[in-house]
Amino acid sequence: MLALAAGGADVIELGMPFSDPMAEGPVIQKACERALAKGVSLAQVLAAVRSFRARDAQTPVVLMGYANPIERYEQLHGENAFVAAARDAGVDGVLVVDYPPEECESFAARLQAAGLDPIFLLAPTSTDQRIRDVARAARGYVYYVSLKGVTGAGHLDTASVAAMLPRIRAHVNLPVAVGFGIRDAATACAVAEVADA
């Protein structure tokens, strides 16, 4: 994380390992498997953020992952323990892939009350109503899933991304980050021409 910040990262998304990362391609799936095999838990992810914060208090850190590790953490440490632990570790935002805004209003409100940004996904199939729903609940930024498929898929259509962003921005007054089709420097540069992140 320190190397990413030193290399110029404006925001760091830190994954929370999970045994069934359904939206992830093979690289992140294998990373999750390796992390879990080595015993990496959500508590260790939070400890990594605390350690990073001891040397970098500025670079925003967003935890990204799935509901199960958060819910398991709260089973072990008590109801609402995750939000307090994330805040105390120095997390700035949380993106939970399988928490749509209408199913996690209480969780999003707890994040906001603790000063953390709830970040939500939009997709190529998102309706204008879904975009408005996400706009009401999201803080920090929204994450546009640029394609139908998994992360790292090789068929990113930059023109389709560029066409969707004005539709999103008509309803969302936050930066729009784009992910899922970004697999190399060339695609990152192409998307950076039209997206905020």
N, C-alpha and C. Protein backbone atom coordinates (compact mmCIF):
# COMPACT_ATOMS: atom_id res chain seq x y z
N MET A 1 0.83 -1.20 0.00
CA MET A 1 0.00 0.00 0.00
C MET A 1 0.87 1.25 0.00
N LEU A 2 1.95 1.22 0.78
CA LEU A 2 2.86 2.37 0.79
C LEU A 2 3.48 2.58 -0.58
N ALA A 3 3.82 1.50 -1.25
CA ALA A 3 4.40 1.62 -2.59
C ALA A 3 3.38 2.18 -3.57
N LEU A 4 2.12 1.78 -3.45
CA LEU A 4 1.08 2.32 -4.32
C LEU A 4 0.94 3.82 -4.10
N ALA A 5 0.92 4.23 -2.84
CA ALA A 5 0.79 5.66 -2.54
C ALA A 5 2.01 6.42 -3.05
N ALA A 6 3.20 5.86 -2.84
CA ALA A 6 4.42 6.51 -3.31
C ALA A 6 4.44 6.58 -4.83
N GLY A 7 3.81 5.63 -5.49
CA GLY A 7 3.75 5.61 -6.95
C GLY A 7 2.69 6.53 -7.53
N GLY A 8 1.93 7.20 -6.66
CA GLY A 8 0.97 8.18 -7.15
C GLY A 8 -0.48 7.80 -7.06
N ALA A 9 -0.81 6.68 -6.41
CA ALA A 9 -2.22 6.29 -6.29
C ALA A 9 -2.99 7.36 -5.52
N ASP A 10 -4.13 7.77 -6.06
CA ASP A 10 -4.97 8.76 -5.40
C ASP A 10 -5.91 8.13 -4.39
N VAL A 11 -6.29 6.88 -4.62
CA VAL A 11 -7.16 6.09 -3.73
C VAL A 11 -6.68 4.65 -3.83
N ILE A 12 -6.71 3.94 -2.73
CA ILE A 12 -6.35 2.52 -2.75
C ILE A 12 -7.58 1.70 -2.38
N GLU A 13 -7.97 0.80 -3.27
CA GLU A 13 -9.00 -0.18 -2.95
C GLU A 13 -8.31 -1.42 -2.44
N LEU A 14 -8.64 -1.81 -1.23
CA LEU A 14 -8.02 -2.97 -0.60
C LEU A 14 -9.05 -4.08 -0.48
N GLY A 15 -8.74 -5.22 -1.06
CA GLY A 15 -9.67 -6.33 -1.06
C GLY A 15 -9.78 -7.01 0.29
N MET A 16 -11.00 -7.45 0.59
CA MET A 16 -11.26 -8.28 1.77
C MET A 16 -11.43 -9.71 1.25
N PRO A 17 -10.49 -10.61 1.55
CA PRO A 17 -10.55 -11.96 0.98
C PRO A 17 -11.86 -12.67 1.32
N PHE A 18 -12.37 -13.41 0.34
CA PHE A 18 -13.60 -14.17 0.49
C PHE A 18 -13.51 -15.43 -0.34
N SER A 19 -14.10 -16.51 0.15
CA SER A 19 -13.99 -17.81 -0.50
C SER A 19 -14.80 -17.94 -1.79
N ASP A 20 -15.77 -17.06 -2.02
CA ASP A 20 -16.60 -17.15 -3.22
C ASP A 20 -16.74 -15.78 -3.87
N PRO A 21 -15.64 -15.21 -4.37
CA PRO A 21 -15.70 -13.87 -4.96
C PRO A 21 -16.31 -13.90 -6.36
N MET A 22 -17.63 -13.96 -6.41
CA MET A 22 -18.35 -14.27 -7.65
C MET A 22 -18.16 -13.28 -8.78
N ALA A 23 -17.82 -12.04 -8.49
CA ALA A 23 -17.66 -11.05 -9.56
C ALA A 23 -16.23 -10.96 -10.07
N GLU A 24 -15.35 -11.74 -9.46
CA GLU A 24 -13.93 -11.61 -9.78
C GLU A 24 -13.48 -12.59 -10.85
N GLY A 25 -12.51 -12.14 -11.64
CA GLY A 25 -11.88 -13.00 -12.61
C GLY A 25 -10.82 -13.87 -11.94
N PRO A 26 -10.09 -14.65 -12.73
CA PRO A 26 -9.17 -15.64 -12.16
C PRO A 26 -8.04 -15.05 -11.32
N VAL A 27 -7.55 -13.87 -11.65
CA VAL A 27 -6.43 -13.30 -10.88
C VAL A 27 -6.86 -12.98 -9.45
N ILE A 28 -7.98 -12.28 -9.30
CA ILE A 28 -8.43 -11.92 -7.95
C ILE A 28 -8.96 -13.15 -7.22
N GLN A 29 -9.58 -14.10 -7.94
CA GLN A 29 -9.99 -15.35 -7.30
C GLN A 29 -8.79 -16.05 -6.68
N LYS A 30 -7.71 -16.15 -7.44
CA LYS A 30 -6.51 -16.82 -6.93
C LYS A 30 -5.89 -16.03 -5.77
N ALA A 31 -5.94 -14.71 -5.85
CA ALA A 31 -5.42 -13.89 -4.75
C ALA A 31 -6.22 -14.15 -3.47
N CYS A 32 -7.55 -14.24 -3.60
CA CYS A 32 -8.39 -14.55 -2.44
C CYS A 32 -8.05 -15.93 -1.89
N GLU A 33 -7.92 -16.92 -2.77
CA GLU A 33 -7.59 -18.27 -2.33
C GLU A 33 -6.26 -18.30 -1.58
N ARG A 34 -5.26 -17.62 -2.13
CA ARG A 34 -3.94 -17.59 -1.49
C ARG A 34 -4.00 -16.89 -0.14
N ALA A 35 -4.73 -15.78 -0.08
CA ALA A 35 -4.83 -15.05 1.18
C ALA A 35 -5.52 -15.91 2.24
N LEU A 36 -6.63 -16.54 1.88
CA LEU A 36 -7.35 -17.38 2.84
C LEU A 36 -6.52 -18.58 3.27
N ALA A 37 -5.78 -19.18 2.32
CA ALA A 37 -4.92 -20.32 2.66
C ALA A 37 -3.84 -19.93 3.65
N LYS A 38 -3.43 -18.66 3.61
CA LYS A 38 -2.41 -18.16 4.55
C LYS A 38 -3.05 -17.63 5.83
N GLY A 39 -4.38 -17.75 5.95
CA GLY A 39 -5.06 -17.34 7.16
C GLY A 39 -5.38 -15.85 7.25
N VAL A 40 -5.36 -15.15 6.12
CA VAL A 40 -5.67 -13.72 6.14
C VAL A 40 -7.17 -13.55 6.41
N SER A 41 -7.46 -12.79 7.45
CA SER A 41 -8.84 -12.53 7.85
C SER A 41 -9.15 -11.05 7.67
N LEU A 42 -10.41 -10.70 7.85
CA LEU A 42 -10.79 -9.30 7.81
C LEU A 42 -10.08 -8.52 8.91
N ALA A 43 -9.88 -9.15 10.07
CA ALA A 43 -9.14 -8.47 11.15
C ALA A 43 -7.73 -8.12 10.70
N GLN A 44 -7.10 -8.99 9.92
CA GLN A 44 -5.76 -8.71 9.42
C GLN A 44 -5.77 -7.62 8.36
N VAL A 45 -6.82 -7.59 7.55
CA VAL A 45 -6.94 -6.51 6.56
C VAL A 45 -7.04 -5.17 7.28
N LEU A 46 -7.85 -5.11 8.33
CA LEU A 46 -7.97 -3.87 9.11
C LEU A 46 -6.64 -3.51 9.78
N ALA A 47 -5.91 -4.51 10.24
CA ALA A 47 -4.60 -4.26 10.84
C ALA A 47 -3.63 -3.68 9.79
N ALA A 48 -3.75 -4.15 8.55
CA ALA A 48 -2.90 -3.61 7.48
C ALA A 48 -3.21 -2.14 7.24
N VAL A 49 -4.49 -1.79 7.29
CA VAL A 49 -4.86 -0.38 7.13
C VAL A 49 -4.30 0.44 8.28
N ARG A 50 -4.42 -0.06 9.51
CA ARG A 50 -3.86 0.67 10.67
C ARG A 50 -2.35 0.88 10.50
N SER A 51 -1.66 -0.15 10.05
CA SER A 51 -0.22 -0.04 9.84
C SER A 51 0.11 0.99 8.76
N PHE A 52 -0.66 0.96 7.67
CA PHE A 52 -0.49 1.94 6.60
C PHE A 52 -0.73 3.35 7.12
N ARG A 53 -1.76 3.53 7.93
CA ARG A 53 -2.10 4.85 8.47
C ARG A 53 -1.00 5.41 9.36
N ALA A 54 -0.20 4.56 9.96
CA ALA A 54 0.90 5.04 10.79
C ALA A 54 1.93 5.79 9.95
N ARG A 55 1.97 5.51 8.64
CA ARG A 55 2.94 6.17 7.77
C ARG A 55 2.32 7.02 6.68
N ASP A 56 1.02 6.87 6.45
CA ASP A 56 0.33 7.65 5.43
C ASP A 56 -1.08 7.96 5.94
N ALA A 57 -1.29 9.18 6.33
CA ALA A 57 -2.60 9.59 6.85
C ALA A 57 -3.47 10.22 5.77
N GLN A 58 -2.95 10.37 4.56
CA GLN A 58 -3.65 11.13 3.53
C GLN A 58 -4.33 10.29 2.46
N THR A 59 -3.69 9.26 1.96
CA THR A 59 -4.22 8.50 0.83
C THR A 59 -5.48 7.75 1.26
N PRO A 60 -6.62 8.02 0.63
CA PRO A 60 -7.84 7.31 1.01
C PRO A 60 -7.74 5.81 0.76
N VAL A 61 -8.34 5.05 1.67
CA VAL A 61 -8.38 3.59 1.56
C VAL A 61 -9.83 3.15 1.57
N VAL A 62 -10.20 2.40 0.54
CA VAL A 62 -11.55 1.85 0.42
C VAL A 62 -11.44 0.33 0.50
N LEU A 63 -12.19 -0.26 1.42
CA LEU A 63 -12.27 -1.72 1.48
C LEU A 63 -13.29 -2.19 0.46
N MET A 64 -12.91 -3.21 -0.30
CA MET A 64 -13.81 -3.73 -1.34
C MET A 64 -13.93 -5.24 -1.16
N GLY A 65 -15.17 -5.70 -1.18
CA GLY A 65 -15.36 -7.14 -1.05
C GLY A 65 -16.82 -7.51 -0.97
N TYR A 66 -17.10 -8.53 -0.17
CA TYR A 66 -18.42 -9.15 -0.13
C TYR A 66 -18.99 -9.12 1.28
N ALA A 67 -20.29 -9.34 1.38
CA ALA A 67 -21.00 -9.24 2.65
C ALA A 67 -20.56 -10.29 3.66
N ASN A 68 -20.28 -11.50 3.23
CA ASN A 68 -20.01 -12.58 4.17
C ASN A 68 -18.88 -12.29 5.15
N PRO A 69 -17.73 -11.81 4.72
CA PRO A 69 -16.67 -11.52 5.70
C PRO A 69 -17.09 -10.47 6.73
N ILE A 70 -17.85 -9.48 6.29
CA ILE A 70 -18.31 -8.45 7.22
C ILE A 70 -19.29 -9.04 8.23
N GLU A 71 -20.22 -9.83 7.73
CA GLU A 71 -21.21 -10.43 8.62
C GLU A 71 -20.56 -11.43 9.58
N ARG A 72 -19.56 -12.16 9.10
CA ARG A 72 -18.83 -13.07 9.99
C ARG A 72 -18.04 -12.30 11.04
N TYR A 73 -17.44 -11.20 10.64
CA TYR A 73 -16.70 -10.36 11.59
C TYR A 73 -17.64 -9.90 12.71
N GLU A 74 -18.84 -9.52 12.34
CA GLU A 74 -19.79 -9.06 13.35
C GLU A 74 -20.32 -10.20 14.20
N GLN A 75 -20.39 -11.40 13.67
CA GLN A 75 -20.74 -12.56 14.51
C GLN A 75 -19.68 -12.77 15.59
N LEU A 76 -18.43 -12.58 15.20
CA LEU A 76 -17.32 -12.82 16.14
C LEU A 76 -17.11 -11.66 17.12
N HIS A 77 -17.34 -10.43 16.66
CA HIS A 77 -16.96 -9.25 17.45
C HIS A 77 -18.15 -8.41 17.93
N GLY A 78 -19.34 -8.76 17.53
CA GLY A 78 -20.51 -8.03 17.99
C GLY A 78 -21.15 -7.22 16.88
N GLU A 79 -22.45 -6.99 17.06
CA GLU A 79 -23.21 -6.23 16.07
C GLU A 79 -22.62 -4.83 15.92
N ASN A 80 -22.49 -4.39 14.67
CA ASN A 80 -21.94 -3.08 14.31
C ASN A 80 -20.44 -2.96 14.56
N ALA A 81 -19.77 -4.05 14.90
CA ALA A 81 -18.34 -4.00 15.20
C ALA A 81 -17.51 -3.64 13.98
N PHE A 82 -17.96 -4.07 12.80
CA PHE A 82 -17.16 -3.81 11.59
C PHE A 82 -17.00 -2.32 11.34
N VAL A 83 -18.07 -1.58 11.40
CA VAL A 83 -18.02 -0.14 11.10
C VAL A 83 -17.07 0.56 12.06
N ALA A 84 -17.18 0.25 13.34
CA ALA A 84 -16.30 0.87 14.33
C ALA A 84 -14.85 0.49 14.09
N ALA A 85 -14.60 -0.78 13.78
CA ALA A 85 -13.22 -1.23 13.54
C ALA A 85 -12.64 -0.60 12.28
N ALA A 86 -13.46 -0.48 11.24
CA ALA A 86 -13.00 0.13 9.99
C ALA A 86 -12.67 1.60 10.23
N ARG A 87 -13.54 2.30 10.94
CA ARG A 87 -13.29 3.72 11.26
C ARG A 87 -12.00 3.86 12.07
N ASP A 88 -11.86 3.04 13.10
CA ASP A 88 -10.69 3.13 13.97
C ASP A 88 -9.40 2.78 13.25
N ALA A 89 -9.48 1.92 12.24
CA ALA A 89 -8.29 1.54 11.47
C ALA A 89 -7.86 2.63 10.50
N GLY A 90 -8.80 3.51 10.12
CA GLY A 90 -8.48 4.57 9.17
C GLY A 90 -9.03 4.35 7.79
N VAL A 91 -10.02 3.49 7.66
CA VAL A 91 -10.69 3.25 6.38
C VAL A 91 -11.52 4.49 6.03
N ASP A 92 -11.58 4.81 4.75
CA ASP A 92 -12.36 5.96 4.28
C ASP A 92 -13.68 5.58 3.65
N GLY A 93 -13.75 4.40 3.05
CA GLY A 93 -14.97 3.99 2.38
C GLY A 93 -15.05 2.48 2.28
N VAL A 94 -16.26 2.00 2.02
CA VAL A 94 -16.49 0.56 1.92
C VAL A 94 -17.38 0.29 0.72
N LEU A 95 -16.94 -0.63 -0.13
CA LEU A 95 -17.72 -1.08 -1.28
C LEU A 95 -17.97 -2.57 -1.10
N VAL A 96 -19.23 -2.93 -0.88
CA VAL A 96 -19.61 -4.33 -0.71
C VAL A 96 -20.39 -4.74 -1.95
N VAL A 97 -19.78 -5.59 -2.75
CA VAL A 97 -20.31 -5.95 -4.06
C VAL A 97 -21.74 -6.45 -3.98
N ASP A 98 -22.05 -7.25 -2.97
CA ASP A 98 -23.39 -7.84 -2.89
C ASP A 98 -24.29 -7.16 -1.86
N TYR A 99 -24.07 -5.87 -1.62
CA TYR A 99 -24.98 -5.04 -0.82
C TYR A 99 -25.56 -3.96 -1.72
N PRO A 100 -26.68 -4.23 -2.41
CA PRO A 100 -27.32 -3.16 -3.17
C PRO A 100 -27.92 -2.15 -2.20
N PRO A 101 -28.10 -0.91 -2.61
CA PRO A 101 -28.53 0.13 -1.67
C PRO A 101 -29.84 -0.17 -0.95
N GLU A 102 -30.79 -0.80 -1.64
CA GLU A 102 -32.08 -1.04 -1.00
C GLU A 102 -32.02 -2.15 0.06
N GLU A 103 -30.95 -2.93 0.08
CA GLU A 103 -30.85 -4.01 1.05
C GLU A 103 -29.86 -3.71 2.17
N CYS A 104 -29.31 -2.52 2.19
CA CYS A 104 -28.33 -2.22 3.24
C CYS A 104 -28.44 -0.79 3.74
N GLU A 105 -29.65 -0.28 3.81
CA GLU A 105 -29.84 1.10 4.26
C GLU A 105 -29.27 1.32 5.65
N SER A 106 -29.49 0.39 6.54
CA SER A 106 -28.98 0.52 7.91
C SER A 106 -27.46 0.52 7.93
N PHE A 107 -26.86 -0.40 7.17
CA PHE A 107 -25.40 -0.48 7.10
C PHE A 107 -24.83 0.80 6.51
N ALA A 108 -25.41 1.30 5.43
CA ALA A 108 -24.93 2.55 4.81
C ALA A 108 -25.06 3.71 5.78
N ALA A 109 -26.16 3.76 6.54
CA ALA A 109 -26.34 4.83 7.52
C ALA A 109 -25.30 4.75 8.62
N ARG A 110 -24.97 3.53 9.07
CA ARG A 110 -23.93 3.37 10.10
C ARG A 110 -22.57 3.81 9.55
N LEU A 111 -22.28 3.46 8.30
CA LEU A 111 -21.02 3.92 7.69
C LEU A 111 -20.96 5.44 7.69
N GLN A 112 -22.02 6.07 7.20
CA GLN A 112 -22.03 7.53 7.11
C GLN A 112 -21.90 8.17 8.49
N ALA A 113 -22.59 7.62 9.48
CA ALA A 113 -22.51 8.17 10.83
C ALA A 113 -21.10 8.09 11.39
N ALA A 114 -20.34 7.10 10.93
CA ALA A 114 -18.96 6.94 11.38
C ALA A 114 -17.97 7.71 10.51
N GLY A 115 -18.48 8.44 9.51
CA GLY A 115 -17.61 9.20 8.63
C GLY A 115 -17.01 8.39 7.50
N LEU A 116 -17.59 7.24 7.20
CA LEU A 116 -17.11 6.38 6.11
C LEU A 116 -18.07 6.47 4.94
N ASP A 117 -17.53 6.38 3.74
CA ASP A 117 -18.34 6.47 2.53
C ASP A 117 -18.86 5.11 2.09
N PRO A 118 -20.19 4.94 1.99
CA PRO A 118 -20.71 3.74 1.35
C PRO A 118 -20.65 3.93 -0.17
N ILE A 119 -20.02 3.00 -0.84
CA ILE A 119 -19.80 3.10 -2.28
C ILE A 119 -20.59 1.98 -2.95
N PHE A 120 -21.29 2.31 -4.03
CA PHE A 120 -22.16 1.33 -4.67
C PHE A 120 -21.80 1.17 -6.14
N LEU A 121 -22.24 0.04 -6.68
CA LEU A 121 -21.97 -0.32 -8.07
C LEU A 121 -23.11 0.09 -8.99
N LEU A 122 -22.72 0.45 -10.19
CA LEU A 122 -23.65 0.60 -11.32
C LEU A 122 -23.12 -0.28 -12.44
N ALA A 123 -24.01 -0.68 -13.34
CA ALA A 123 -23.64 -1.60 -14.41
C ALA A 123 -24.19 -1.13 -15.74
N PRO A 124 -23.73 -1.72 -16.85
CA PRO A 124 -24.28 -1.36 -18.15
C PRO A 124 -25.79 -1.57 -18.22
N THR A 125 -26.32 -2.45 -17.40
CA THR A 125 -27.75 -2.75 -17.40
C THR A 125 -28.54 -1.88 -16.43
N SER A 126 -27.89 -0.98 -15.70
CA SER A 126 -28.58 -0.15 -14.71
C SER A 126 -29.60 0.77 -15.38
N THR A 127 -30.79 0.78 -14.84
CA THR A 127 -31.84 1.69 -15.33
C THR A 127 -31.61 3.07 -14.73
N ASP A 128 -32.31 4.06 -15.25
CA ASP A 128 -32.22 5.41 -14.68
C ASP A 128 -32.68 5.41 -13.23
N GLN A 129 -33.70 4.59 -12.91
CA GLN A 129 -34.16 4.51 -11.52
C GLN A 129 -33.08 3.94 -10.62
N ARG A 130 -32.39 2.90 -11.09
CA ARG A 130 -31.31 2.31 -10.28
C ARG A 130 -30.19 3.34 -10.09
N ILE A 131 -29.88 4.09 -11.11
CA ILE A 131 -28.84 5.12 -10.98
C ILE A 131 -29.26 6.14 -9.94
N ARG A 132 -30.54 6.56 -9.95
CA ARG A 132 -31.04 7.50 -8.95
C ARG A 132 -30.98 6.90 -7.54
N ASP A 133 -31.32 5.62 -7.41
CA ASP A 133 -31.26 4.95 -6.10
C ASP A 133 -29.84 4.93 -5.56
N VAL A 134 -28.90 4.61 -6.42
CA VAL A 134 -27.49 4.60 -6.01
C VAL A 134 -27.04 6.01 -5.67
N ALA A 135 -27.45 6.98 -6.45
CA ALA A 135 -27.06 8.38 -6.19
C ALA A 135 -27.51 8.83 -4.80
N ARG A 136 -28.70 8.40 -4.37
CA ARG A 136 -29.19 8.80 -3.05
C ARG A 136 -28.38 8.18 -1.93
N ALA A 137 -27.90 6.95 -2.11
CA ALA A 137 -27.23 6.22 -1.03
C ALA A 137 -25.72 6.38 -1.01
N ALA A 138 -25.12 6.63 -2.15
CA ALA A 138 -23.66 6.60 -2.27
C ALA A 138 -23.01 7.88 -1.75
N ARG A 139 -21.80 7.72 -1.28
CA ARG A 139 -20.92 8.83 -0.90
C ARG A 139 -19.53 8.49 -1.44
N GLY A 140 -18.69 9.48 -1.56
CA GLY A 140 -17.32 9.24 -2.02
C GLY A 140 -17.22 9.17 -3.53
N TYR A 141 -17.67 8.07 -4.09
CA TYR A 141 -17.74 7.89 -5.54
C TYR A 141 -18.68 6.75 -5.84
N VAL A 142 -19.06 6.58 -7.08
CA VAL A 142 -19.77 5.38 -7.53
C VAL A 142 -18.83 4.59 -8.41
N TYR A 143 -19.02 3.30 -8.41
CA TYR A 143 -18.17 2.38 -9.15
C TYR A 143 -18.97 1.81 -10.31
N TYR A 144 -18.58 2.16 -11.53
CA TYR A 144 -19.26 1.65 -12.72
C TYR A 144 -18.58 0.38 -13.19
N VAL A 145 -19.32 -0.71 -13.18
CA VAL A 145 -18.86 -2.00 -13.69
C VAL A 145 -18.99 -1.92 -15.20
N SER A 146 -17.87 -1.84 -15.88
CA SER A 146 -17.86 -1.44 -17.28
C SER A 146 -18.35 -2.49 -18.26
N LEU A 147 -18.56 -3.71 -17.81
CA LEU A 147 -18.96 -4.75 -18.74
C LEU A 147 -19.76 -5.83 -18.03
N LYS A 148 -20.43 -6.63 -18.82
CA LYS A 148 -21.12 -7.80 -18.27
C LYS A 148 -20.09 -8.90 -18.21
N GLY A 149 -19.72 -9.28 -17.02
CA GLY A 149 -18.69 -10.30 -16.86
C GLY A 149 -17.97 -10.10 -15.55
N VAL A 150 -16.75 -10.58 -15.48
CA VAL A 150 -15.97 -10.53 -14.25
C VAL A 150 -14.79 -9.58 -14.41
N THR A 151 -14.15 -9.26 -13.30
CA THR A 151 -13.00 -8.36 -13.35
C THR A 151 -11.93 -8.92 -14.28
N GLY A 152 -11.25 -8.01 -14.98
CA GLY A 152 -10.14 -8.41 -15.83
C GLY A 152 -10.53 -9.04 -17.16
N ALA A 153 -11.83 -9.13 -17.43
CA ALA A 153 -12.26 -9.72 -18.70
C ALA A 153 -11.66 -8.93 -19.86
N GLY A 154 -11.44 -9.59 -20.96
CA GLY A 154 -10.69 -8.99 -22.05
C GLY A 154 -11.49 -8.29 -23.11
N HIS A 155 -12.72 -7.90 -22.83
CA HIS A 155 -13.54 -7.33 -23.90
C HIS A 155 -14.10 -5.95 -23.55
N LEU A 156 -13.30 -5.10 -22.96
CA LEU A 156 -13.74 -3.75 -22.61
C LEU A 156 -13.99 -2.94 -23.87
N ASP A 157 -15.15 -2.30 -23.93
CA ASP A 157 -15.51 -1.43 -25.03
C ASP A 157 -15.51 0.01 -24.48
N THR A 158 -14.42 0.72 -24.70
CA THR A 158 -14.27 2.07 -24.15
C THR A 158 -15.35 3.01 -24.66
N ALA A 159 -15.80 2.83 -25.90
CA ALA A 159 -16.86 3.68 -26.45
C ALA A 159 -18.16 3.49 -25.68
N SER A 160 -18.45 2.26 -25.28
CA SER A 160 -19.66 2.00 -24.48
C SER A 160 -19.55 2.66 -23.11
N VAL A 161 -18.37 2.62 -22.52
CA VAL A 161 -18.15 3.28 -21.23
C VAL A 161 -18.37 4.78 -21.39
N ALA A 162 -17.76 5.35 -22.42
CA ALA A 162 -17.89 6.80 -22.65
C ALA A 162 -19.35 7.18 -22.88
N ALA A 163 -20.13 6.31 -23.51
CA ALA A 163 -21.54 6.61 -23.76
C ALA A 163 -22.38 6.52 -22.49
N MET A 164 -22.00 5.64 -21.56
CA MET A 164 -22.79 5.46 -20.34
C MET A 164 -22.53 6.55 -19.30
N LEU A 165 -21.32 7.08 -19.26
CA LEU A 165 -20.96 8.02 -18.19
C LEU A 165 -21.84 9.27 -18.16
N PRO A 166 -22.20 9.89 -19.28
CA PRO A 166 -23.11 11.05 -19.19
C PRO A 166 -24.47 10.68 -18.60
N ARG A 167 -24.95 9.49 -18.89
CA ARG A 167 -26.21 9.03 -18.31
C ARG A 167 -26.10 8.92 -16.78
N ILE A 168 -24.98 8.39 -16.31
CA ILE A 168 -24.76 8.28 -14.87
C ILE A 168 -24.64 9.68 -14.27
N ARG A 169 -23.85 10.51 -14.90
CA ARG A 169 -23.60 11.85 -14.35
C ARG A 169 -24.85 12.74 -14.35
N ALA A 170 -25.84 12.40 -15.14
CA ALA A 170 -27.09 13.15 -15.12
C ALA A 170 -27.81 12.99 -13.79
N HIS A 171 -27.50 11.93 -13.05
CA HIS A 171 -28.16 11.65 -11.78
C HIS A 171 -27.22 11.66 -10.58
N VAL A 172 -25.93 11.49 -10.82
CA VAL A 172 -24.96 11.30 -9.75
C VAL A 172 -24.01 12.48 -9.70
N ASN A 173 -23.91 13.11 -8.54
CA ASN A 173 -23.00 14.24 -8.38
C ASN A 173 -21.72 13.84 -7.64
N LEU A 174 -21.25 12.65 -7.90
CA LEU A 174 -20.02 12.13 -7.30
C LEU A 174 -19.08 11.71 -8.44
N PRO A 175 -17.80 11.57 -8.14
CA PRO A 175 -16.90 11.01 -9.16
C PRO A 175 -17.34 9.60 -9.55
N VAL A 176 -17.08 9.26 -10.80
CA VAL A 176 -17.43 7.93 -11.31
C VAL A 176 -16.13 7.18 -11.61
N ALA A 177 -15.93 6.09 -10.86
CA ALA A 177 -14.79 5.21 -11.11
C ALA A 177 -15.26 4.08 -12.01
N VAL A 178 -14.39 3.59 -12.86
CA VAL A 178 -14.72 2.51 -13.78
C VAL A 178 -13.79 1.34 -13.50
N GLY A 179 -14.38 0.16 -13.46
CA GLY A 179 -13.58 -1.03 -13.23
C GLY A 179 -14.16 -2.22 -13.97
N PHE A 180 -13.52 -3.34 -13.78
CA PHE A 180 -13.86 -4.67 -14.32
C PHE A 180 -13.24 -4.94 -15.67
N GLY A 181 -13.07 -4.02 -16.56
CA GLY A 181 -12.42 -4.33 -17.83
C GLY A 181 -10.99 -3.81 -17.88
N ILE A 182 -10.51 -3.28 -16.77
CA ILE A 182 -9.19 -2.65 -16.74
C ILE A 182 -8.16 -3.75 -16.45
N ARG A 183 -7.41 -4.14 -17.47
CA ARG A 183 -6.50 -5.27 -17.29
C ARG A 183 -5.04 -4.92 -17.57
N ASP A 184 -4.81 -3.71 -18.10
CA ASP A 184 -3.43 -3.32 -18.40
C ASP A 184 -3.35 -1.80 -18.49
N ALA A 185 -2.15 -1.29 -18.72
CA ALA A 185 -1.95 0.16 -18.78
C ALA A 185 -2.73 0.79 -19.92
N ALA A 186 -2.83 0.10 -21.04
CA ALA A 186 -3.53 0.68 -22.20
C ALA A 186 -5.01 0.89 -21.90
N THR A 187 -5.66 -0.11 -21.29
CA THR A 187 -7.08 0.07 -20.98
C THR A 187 -7.26 1.11 -19.87
N ALA A 188 -6.34 1.15 -18.92
CA ALA A 188 -6.43 2.16 -17.86
C ALA A 188 -6.32 3.57 -18.46
N CYS A 189 -5.42 3.76 -19.37
CA CYS A 189 -5.26 5.08 -20.02
C CYS A 189 -6.50 5.44 -20.84
N ALA A 190 -7.05 4.47 -21.54
CA ALA A 190 -8.23 4.73 -22.36
C ALA A 190 -9.42 5.13 -21.50
N VAL A 191 -9.63 4.42 -20.41
CA VAL A 191 -10.76 4.74 -19.52
C VAL A 191 -10.51 6.05 -18.79
N ALA A 192 -9.27 6.33 -18.46
CA ALA A 192 -8.95 7.59 -17.75
C ALA A 192 -9.31 8.82 -18.58
N GLU A 193 -9.44 8.65 -19.88
CA GLU A 193 -9.85 9.77 -20.73
C GLU A 193 -11.30 10.19 -20.49
N VAL A 194 -12.12 9.26 -20.01
CA VAL A 194 -13.55 9.56 -19.87
C VAL A 194 -14.06 9.45 -18.43
N ALA A 195 -13.37 8.73 -17.57
CA ALA A 195 -13.84 8.50 -16.19
C ALA A 195 -13.05 9.35 -15.21
N ASP A 196 -13.57 9.43 -13.99
CA ASP A 196 -12.87 10.17 -12.93
C ASP A 196 -11.81 9.30 -12.25
N ALA A 197 -11.99 8.00 -12.33
CA ALA A 197 -11.01 7.08 -11.71
C ALA A 197 -11.06 5.75 -12.45
